[in-house]
Amino acid sequence: MLVVALGLSAASCYGDLFDLSYVFDSSSYGSGTVVTGAFTGTANGDLITNISNTALFFDGGYLGPIFYSENYEDTGPAVVSFDGLQNDFVFAGTSGYMFLSVTGVPNVDAVLALNFVDSGVVALGELNPNNWKVVDVSTSSVPDGDANTLILLGLGITSLACVRRWKSGTRRLPGGA
């Protein structure tokens, strides 16, 4: 039972590296603009909080690190959701750009990409969830620490059972070998 509880808690909340991408579609001003980036955060269900180390690219051009990260109402931390339907963030960079996505807030449902230095508004539109993608790249390649602990615990218990069987006089491996 303890192993099951540890496994469930390990799957529900962790800090990881995330990649994001959004393509403004034909119904948007700035159709075809692509925003990509990466950030670290804590996932719990569909929401990602505790966001930090954010970097963004507009149409492949790196726009520097984020110096400001907040929710749209400026009342708390930024929130990103895997499906985009609960986004509430404003990211502002050091080189005069901004990327925001707000959904689920009364009277607001938008995605906006700005570049004040070069050309002003880059793209603006209503969020299309089909064009929104957030991927947890940390867990896809390396198991989190809790999963490693459970694996090592299982190997340790199996090893103890083998040693006990060996000492009891049954000098064969489990499984009949």
C-alpha atoms as a PDB file:
ATOM      1  CA  MET A   1       0.000   0.000   0.000  1.00  0.00           C
ATOM      2  CA  LEU A   2       2.876   2.369   0.833  1.00  0.00           C
ATOM      3  CA  VAL A   3       4.487   1.673  -2.545  1.00  0.00           C
ATOM      4  CA  VAL A   4       1.213   2.510  -4.337  1.00  0.00           C
ATOM      5  CA  ALA A   5       0.839   5.762  -2.355  1.00  0.00           C
ATOM      6  CA  LEU A   6       4.424   6.753  -3.142  1.00  0.00           C
ATOM      7  CA  GLY A   7       3.884   6.004  -6.820  1.00  0.00           C
ATOM      8  CA  LEU A   8       0.717   8.108  -7.007  1.00  0.00           C
ATOM      9  CA  SER A   9       2.311  11.063  -5.233  1.00  0.00           C
ATOM     10  CA  ALA A  10       5.338  10.874  -7.533  1.00  0.00           C
ATOM     11  CA  ALA A  11       3.103  11.039 -10.605  1.00  0.00           C
ATOM     12  CA  SER A  12       0.959  13.951  -9.447  1.00  0.00           C
ATOM     13  CA  CYS A  13       3.439  16.684  -8.566  1.00  0.00           C
ATOM     14  CA  TYR A  14       6.994  17.282  -9.805  1.00  0.00           C
ATOM     15  CA  GLY A  15       9.321  20.019 -11.040  1.00  0.00           C
ATOM     16  CA  ASP A  16      10.389  19.647 -14.644  1.00  0.00           C
ATOM     17  CA  LEU A  17      11.476  21.261 -17.873  1.00  0.00           C
ATOM     18  CA  PHE A  18       8.673  22.065 -20.328  1.00  0.00           C
ATOM     19  CA  ASP A  19       8.675  23.017 -24.005  1.00  0.00           C
ATOM     20  CA  LEU A  20       5.829  25.111 -25.367  1.00  0.00           C
ATOM     21  CA  SER A  21       4.729  26.078 -28.846  1.00  0.00           C
ATOM     22  CA  TYR A  22       1.871  28.043 -30.340  1.00  0.00           C
ATOM     23  CA  VAL A  23       1.075  28.876 -33.966  1.00  0.00           C
ATOM     24  CA  PHE A  24      -1.264  31.793 -34.665  1.00  0.00           C
ATOM     25  CA  ASP A  25      -3.832  30.531 -37.165  1.00  0.00           C
ATOM     26  CA  SER A  26      -5.523  32.197 -40.136  1.00  0.00           C
ATOM     27  CA  SER A  27      -8.190  33.839 -37.961  1.00  0.00           C
ATOM     28  CA  SER A  28      -5.474  35.728 -36.046  1.00  0.00           C
ATOM     29  CA  TYR A  29      -3.721  38.982 -36.789  1.00  0.00           C
ATOM     30  CA  GLY A  30      -0.181  37.883 -37.594  1.00  0.00           C
ATOM     31  CA  SER A  31      -1.282  34.548 -39.002  1.00  0.00           C
ATOM     32  CA  GLY A  32       1.542  32.016 -39.126  1.00  0.00           C
ATOM     33  CA  THR A  33       3.598  33.574 -36.311  1.00  0.00           C
ATOM     34  CA  VAL A  34       5.171  30.803 -34.244  1.00  0.00           C
ATOM     35  CA  VAL A  35       6.049  31.208 -30.569  1.00  0.00           C
ATOM     36  CA  THR A  36       8.199  28.509 -28.992  1.00  0.00           C
ATOM     37  CA  GLY A  37      10.012  28.355 -25.710  1.00  0.00           C
ATOM     38  CA  ALA A  38      11.009  26.474 -22.608  1.00  0.00           C
ATOM     39  CA  PHE A  39      10.501  26.907 -18.874  1.00  0.00           C
ATOM     40  CA  THR A  40      10.744  25.013 -15.624  1.00  0.00           C
ATOM     41  CA  GLY A  41       7.743  24.511 -13.390  1.00  0.00           C
ATOM     42  CA  THR A  42       5.672  22.222 -11.218  1.00  0.00           C
ATOM     43  CA  ALA A  43       2.921  20.183 -12.866  1.00  0.00           C
ATOM     44  CA  ASN A  44      -0.136  19.109 -10.945  1.00  0.00           C
ATOM     45  CA  GLY A  45      -2.898  17.691 -13.117  1.00  0.00           C
ATOM     46  CA  ASP A  46      -3.366  19.965 -16.130  1.00  0.00           C
ATOM     47  CA  LEU A  47      -1.791  23.052 -14.516  1.00  0.00           C
ATOM     48  CA  ILE A  48       1.840  24.111 -14.336  1.00  0.00           C
ATOM     49  CA  THR A  49       2.846  26.610 -11.637  1.00  0.00           C
ATOM     50  CA  ASN A  50       6.089  27.799  -9.994  1.00  0.00           C
ATOM     51  CA  ILE A  51       7.277  28.846 -13.450  1.00  0.00           C
ATOM     52  CA  SER A  52      10.865  30.033 -13.817  1.00  0.00           C
ATOM     53  CA  ASN A  53      13.816  29.981 -16.237  1.00  0.00           C
ATOM     54  CA  THR A  54      11.557  30.966 -19.145  1.00  0.00           C
ATOM     55  CA  ALA A  55      13.002  31.694 -22.592  1.00  0.00           C
ATOM     56  CA  LEU A  56      10.987  32.438 -25.732  1.00  0.00           C
ATOM     57  CA  PHE A  57      11.503  32.469 -29.487  1.00  0.00           C
ATOM     58  CA  PHE A  58       9.342  34.308 -32.057  1.00  0.00           C
ATOM     59  CA  ASP A  59       9.590  32.715 -35.507  1.00  0.00           C
ATOM     60  CA  GLY A  60      12.864  31.088 -34.433  1.00  0.00           C
ATOM     61  CA  GLY A  61      14.555  34.259 -33.147  1.00  0.00           C
ATOM     62  CA  TYR A  62      15.699  34.110 -29.519  1.00  0.00           C
ATOM     63  CA  LEU A  63      14.369  37.071 -27.599  1.00  0.00           C
ATOM     64  CA  GLY A  64      16.287  36.734 -24.357  1.00  0.00           C
ATOM     65  CA  PRO A  65      15.292  35.578 -20.902  1.00  0.00           C
ATOM     66  CA  ILE A  66      12.058  36.534 -19.153  1.00  0.00           C
ATOM     67  CA  PHE A  67      12.358  39.166 -16.424  1.00  0.00           C
ATOM     68  CA  TYR A  68       8.649  39.352 -15.554  1.00  0.00           C
ATOM     69  CA  SER A  69       6.226  36.474 -15.080  1.00  0.00           C
ATOM     70  CA  GLU A  70       2.794  37.035 -13.561  1.00  0.00           C
ATOM     71  CA  ASN A  71      -0.868  36.237 -14.113  1.00  0.00           C
ATOM     72  CA  TYR A  72      -2.995  38.553 -16.270  1.00  0.00           C
ATOM     73  CA  GLU A  73      -4.601  40.321 -13.306  1.00  0.00           C
ATOM     74  CA  ASP A  74      -1.151  40.926 -11.759  1.00  0.00           C
ATOM     75  CA  THR A  75      -2.350  39.284  -8.544  1.00  0.00           C
ATOM     76  CA  GLY A  76      -0.245  36.150  -8.424  1.00  0.00           C
ATOM     77  CA  PRO A  77       2.024  33.750 -10.240  1.00  0.00           C
ATOM     78  CA  ALA A  78       1.695  32.733 -13.870  1.00  0.00           C
ATOM     79  CA  VAL A  79      -0.206  29.548 -14.693  1.00  0.00           C
ATOM     80  CA  VAL A  80       0.248  27.482 -17.857  1.00  0.00           C
ATOM     81  CA  SER A  81      -2.000  24.538 -18.702  1.00  0.00           C
ATOM     82  CA  PHE A  82      -1.199  21.550 -20.878  1.00  0.00           C
ATOM     83  CA  ASP A  83      -4.362  22.002 -22.956  1.00  0.00           C
ATOM     84  CA  GLY A  84      -4.170  25.824 -23.028  1.00  0.00           C
ATOM     85  CA  LEU A  85      -7.723  26.194 -21.743  1.00  0.00           C
ATOM     86  CA  GLN A  86      -6.653  27.432 -18.289  1.00  0.00           C
ATOM     87  CA  ASN A  87      -3.704  29.632 -19.264  1.00  0.00           C
ATOM     88  CA  ASP A  88      -3.221  32.792 -17.228  1.00  0.00           C
ATOM     89  CA  PHE A  89       0.217  34.247 -17.854  1.00  0.00           C
ATOM     90  CA  VAL A  90       2.138  37.276 -19.024  1.00  0.00           C
ATOM     91  CA  PHE A  91       5.829  36.778 -19.846  1.00  0.00           C
ATOM     92  CA  ALA A  92       7.906  39.888 -20.573  1.00  0.00           C
ATOM     93  CA  GLY A  93      11.488  39.765 -21.825  1.00  0.00           C
ATOM     94  CA  THR A  94      14.508  41.977 -21.427  1.00  0.00           C
ATOM     95  CA  SER A  95      14.642  42.907 -25.109  1.00  0.00           C
ATOM     96  CA  GLY A  96      11.185  44.504 -25.261  1.00  0.00           C
ATOM     97  CA  TYR A  97       8.873  41.622 -26.096  1.00  0.00           C
ATOM     98  CA  MET A  98       5.881  40.011 -24.400  1.00  0.00           C
ATOM     99  CA  PHE A  99       3.892  36.816 -24.740  1.00  0.00           C
ATOM    100  CA  LEU A 100       0.589  36.346 -22.937  1.00  0.00           C
ATOM    101  CA  SER A 101      -2.215  33.837 -22.959  1.00  0.00           C
ATOM    102  CA  VAL A 102      -5.372  34.243 -20.934  1.00  0.00           C
ATOM    103  CA  THR A 103      -8.292  31.829 -21.048  1.00  0.00           C
ATOM    104  CA  GLY A 104     -11.013  31.184 -18.518  1.00  0.00           C
ATOM    105  CA  VAL A 105     -10.805  34.729 -17.097  1.00  0.00           C
ATOM    106  CA  PRO A 106     -14.138  36.631 -17.398  1.00  0.00           C
ATOM    107  CA  ASN A 107     -14.336  38.643 -20.645  1.00  0.00           C
ATOM    108  CA  VAL A 108     -10.814  37.681 -21.705  1.00  0.00           C
ATOM    109  CA  ASP A 109      -9.746  34.870 -24.044  1.00  0.00           C
ATOM    110  CA  ALA A 110      -6.668  35.781 -26.019  1.00  0.00           C
ATOM    111  CA  VAL A 111      -3.140  34.998 -27.079  1.00  0.00           C
ATOM    112  CA  LEU A 112      -0.867  37.945 -27.773  1.00  0.00           C
ATOM    113  CA  ALA A 113       2.736  38.174 -28.935  1.00  0.00           C
ATOM    114  CA  LEU A 114       4.383  41.611 -28.889  1.00  0.00           C
ATOM    115  CA  ASN A 115       7.791  42.875 -29.925  1.00  0.00           C
ATOM    116  CA  PHE A 116       8.095  46.559 -29.010  1.00  0.00           C
ATOM    117  CA  VAL A 117      11.654  46.890 -30.291  1.00  0.00           C
ATOM    118  CA  ASP A 118      11.223  45.760 -33.898  1.00  0.00           C
ATOM    119  CA  SER A 119       7.665  46.075 -35.106  1.00  0.00           C
ATOM    120  CA  GLY A 120       5.068  46.442 -32.363  1.00  0.00           C
ATOM    121  CA  VAL A 121       2.311  43.833 -32.409  1.00  0.00           C
ATOM    122  CA  VAL A 122       3.488  40.552 -33.869  1.00  0.00           C
ATOM    123  CA  ALA A 123       0.299  38.499 -33.468  1.00  0.00           C
ATOM    124  CA  LEU A 124      -3.052  38.646 -31.698  1.00  0.00           C
ATOM    125  CA  GLY A 125      -5.974  36.278 -31.615  1.00  0.00           C
ATOM    126  CA  GLU A 126      -8.256  33.996 -29.682  1.00  0.00           C
ATOM    127  CA  LEU A 127      -6.479  30.882 -28.417  1.00  0.00           C
ATOM    128  CA  ASN A 128      -6.947  27.836 -30.620  1.00  0.00           C
ATOM    129  CA  PRO A 129      -6.282  24.797 -28.377  1.00  0.00           C
ATOM    130  CA  ASN A 130      -5.364  22.743 -31.468  1.00  0.00           C
ATOM    131  CA  ASN A 131      -2.360  25.044 -32.031  1.00  0.00           C
ATOM    132  CA  TRP A 132      -1.224  24.980 -28.370  1.00  0.00           C
ATOM    133  CA  LYS A 133       1.312  22.402 -27.225  1.00  0.00           C
ATOM    134  CA  VAL A 134       3.148  21.979 -23.907  1.00  0.00           C
ATOM    135  CA  VAL A 135       5.359  18.932 -23.401  1.00  0.00           C
ATOM    136  CA  ASP A 136       7.124  17.809 -20.230  1.00  0.00           C
ATOM    137  CA  VAL A 137      10.541  16.985 -21.694  1.00  0.00           C
ATOM    138  CA  SER A 138      12.062  15.986 -18.343  1.00  0.00           C
ATOM    139  CA  THR A 139       9.867  12.952 -17.707  1.00  0.00           C
ATOM    140  CA  SER A 140       9.941  11.747 -21.293  1.00  0.00           C
ATOM    141  CA  SER A 141      13.653  10.973 -21.119  1.00  0.00           C
ATOM    142  CA  VAL A 142      14.642  10.612 -17.456  1.00  0.00           C
ATOM    143  CA  PRO A 143      12.464   9.162 -14.682  1.00  0.00           C
ATOM    144  CA  ASP A 144      11.930  11.481 -11.730  1.00  0.00           C
ATOM    145  CA  GLY A 145      13.717  10.773  -8.435  1.00  0.00           C
ATOM    146  CA  ASP A 146      10.683   9.159  -6.774  1.00  0.00           C
ATOM    147  CA  ALA A 147      10.380   6.599  -9.581  1.00  0.00           C
ATOM    148  CA  ASN A 148      14.085   5.752  -9.221  1.00  0.00           C
ATOM    149  CA  THR A 149      13.585   5.317  -5.471  1.00  0.00           C
ATOM    150  CA  LEU A 150      10.727   2.866  -6.054  1.00  0.00           C
ATOM    151  CA  ILE A 151      12.781   0.882  -8.559  1.00  0.00           C
ATOM    152  CA  LEU A 152      15.733   0.665  -6.149  1.00  0.00           C
ATOM    153  CA  LEU A 153      13.409  -0.306  -3.297  1.00  0.00           C
ATOM    154  CA  GLY A 154      11.983  -3.147  -5.407  1.00  0.00           C
ATOM    155  CA  LEU A 155      15.450  -4.360  -6.374  1.00  0.00           C
ATOM    156  CA  GLY A 156      16.549  -4.233  -2.732  1.00  0.00           C
ATOM    157  CA  ILE A 157      13.576  -6.309  -1.551  1.00  0.00           C
ATOM    158  CA  THR A 158      14.165  -8.864  -4.322  1.00  0.00           C
ATOM    159  CA  SER A 159      17.862  -9.077  -3.389  1.00  0.00           C
ATOM    160  CA  LEU A 160      17.016  -9.622   0.288  1.00  0.00           C
ATOM    161  CA  ALA A 161      14.618 -12.443  -0.661  1.00  0.00           C
ATOM    162  CA  CYS A 162      17.354 -14.109  -2.749  1.00  0.00           C
ATOM    163  CA  VAL A 163      19.913 -13.844   0.067  1.00  0.00           C
ATOM    164  CA  ARG A 164      17.435 -15.217   2.621  1.00  0.00           C
ATOM    165  CA  ARG A 165      16.578 -18.148   0.361  1.00  0.00           C
ATOM    166  CA  TRP A 166      20.301 -18.800  -0.216  1.00  0.00           C
ATOM    167  CA  LYS A 167      21.056 -18.819   3.525  1.00  0.00           C
ATOM    168  CA  SER A 168      18.071 -21.094   4.313  1.00  0.00           C
ATOM    169  CA  GLY A 169      19.663 -23.891   2.330  1.00  0.00           C
ATOM    170  CA  THR A 170      17.586 -23.622  -0.803  1.00  0.00           C
ATOM    171  CA  ARG A 171      20.497 -22.892  -3.115  1.00  0.00           C
ATOM    172  CA  ARG A 172      18.631 -22.004  -6.230  1.00  0.00           C
ATOM    173  CA  LEU A 173      17.353 -18.766  -7.646  1.00  0.00           C
ATOM    174  CA  PRO A 174      13.644 -17.914  -7.519  1.00  0.00           C
ATOM    175  CA  GLY A 175      11.809 -19.217 -10.572  1.00  0.00           C
ATOM    176  CA  GLY A 176      13.460 -22.644 -10.585  1.00  0.00           C
ATOM    177  CA  ALA A 177      16.877 -21.695 -12.030  1.00  0.00           C
END
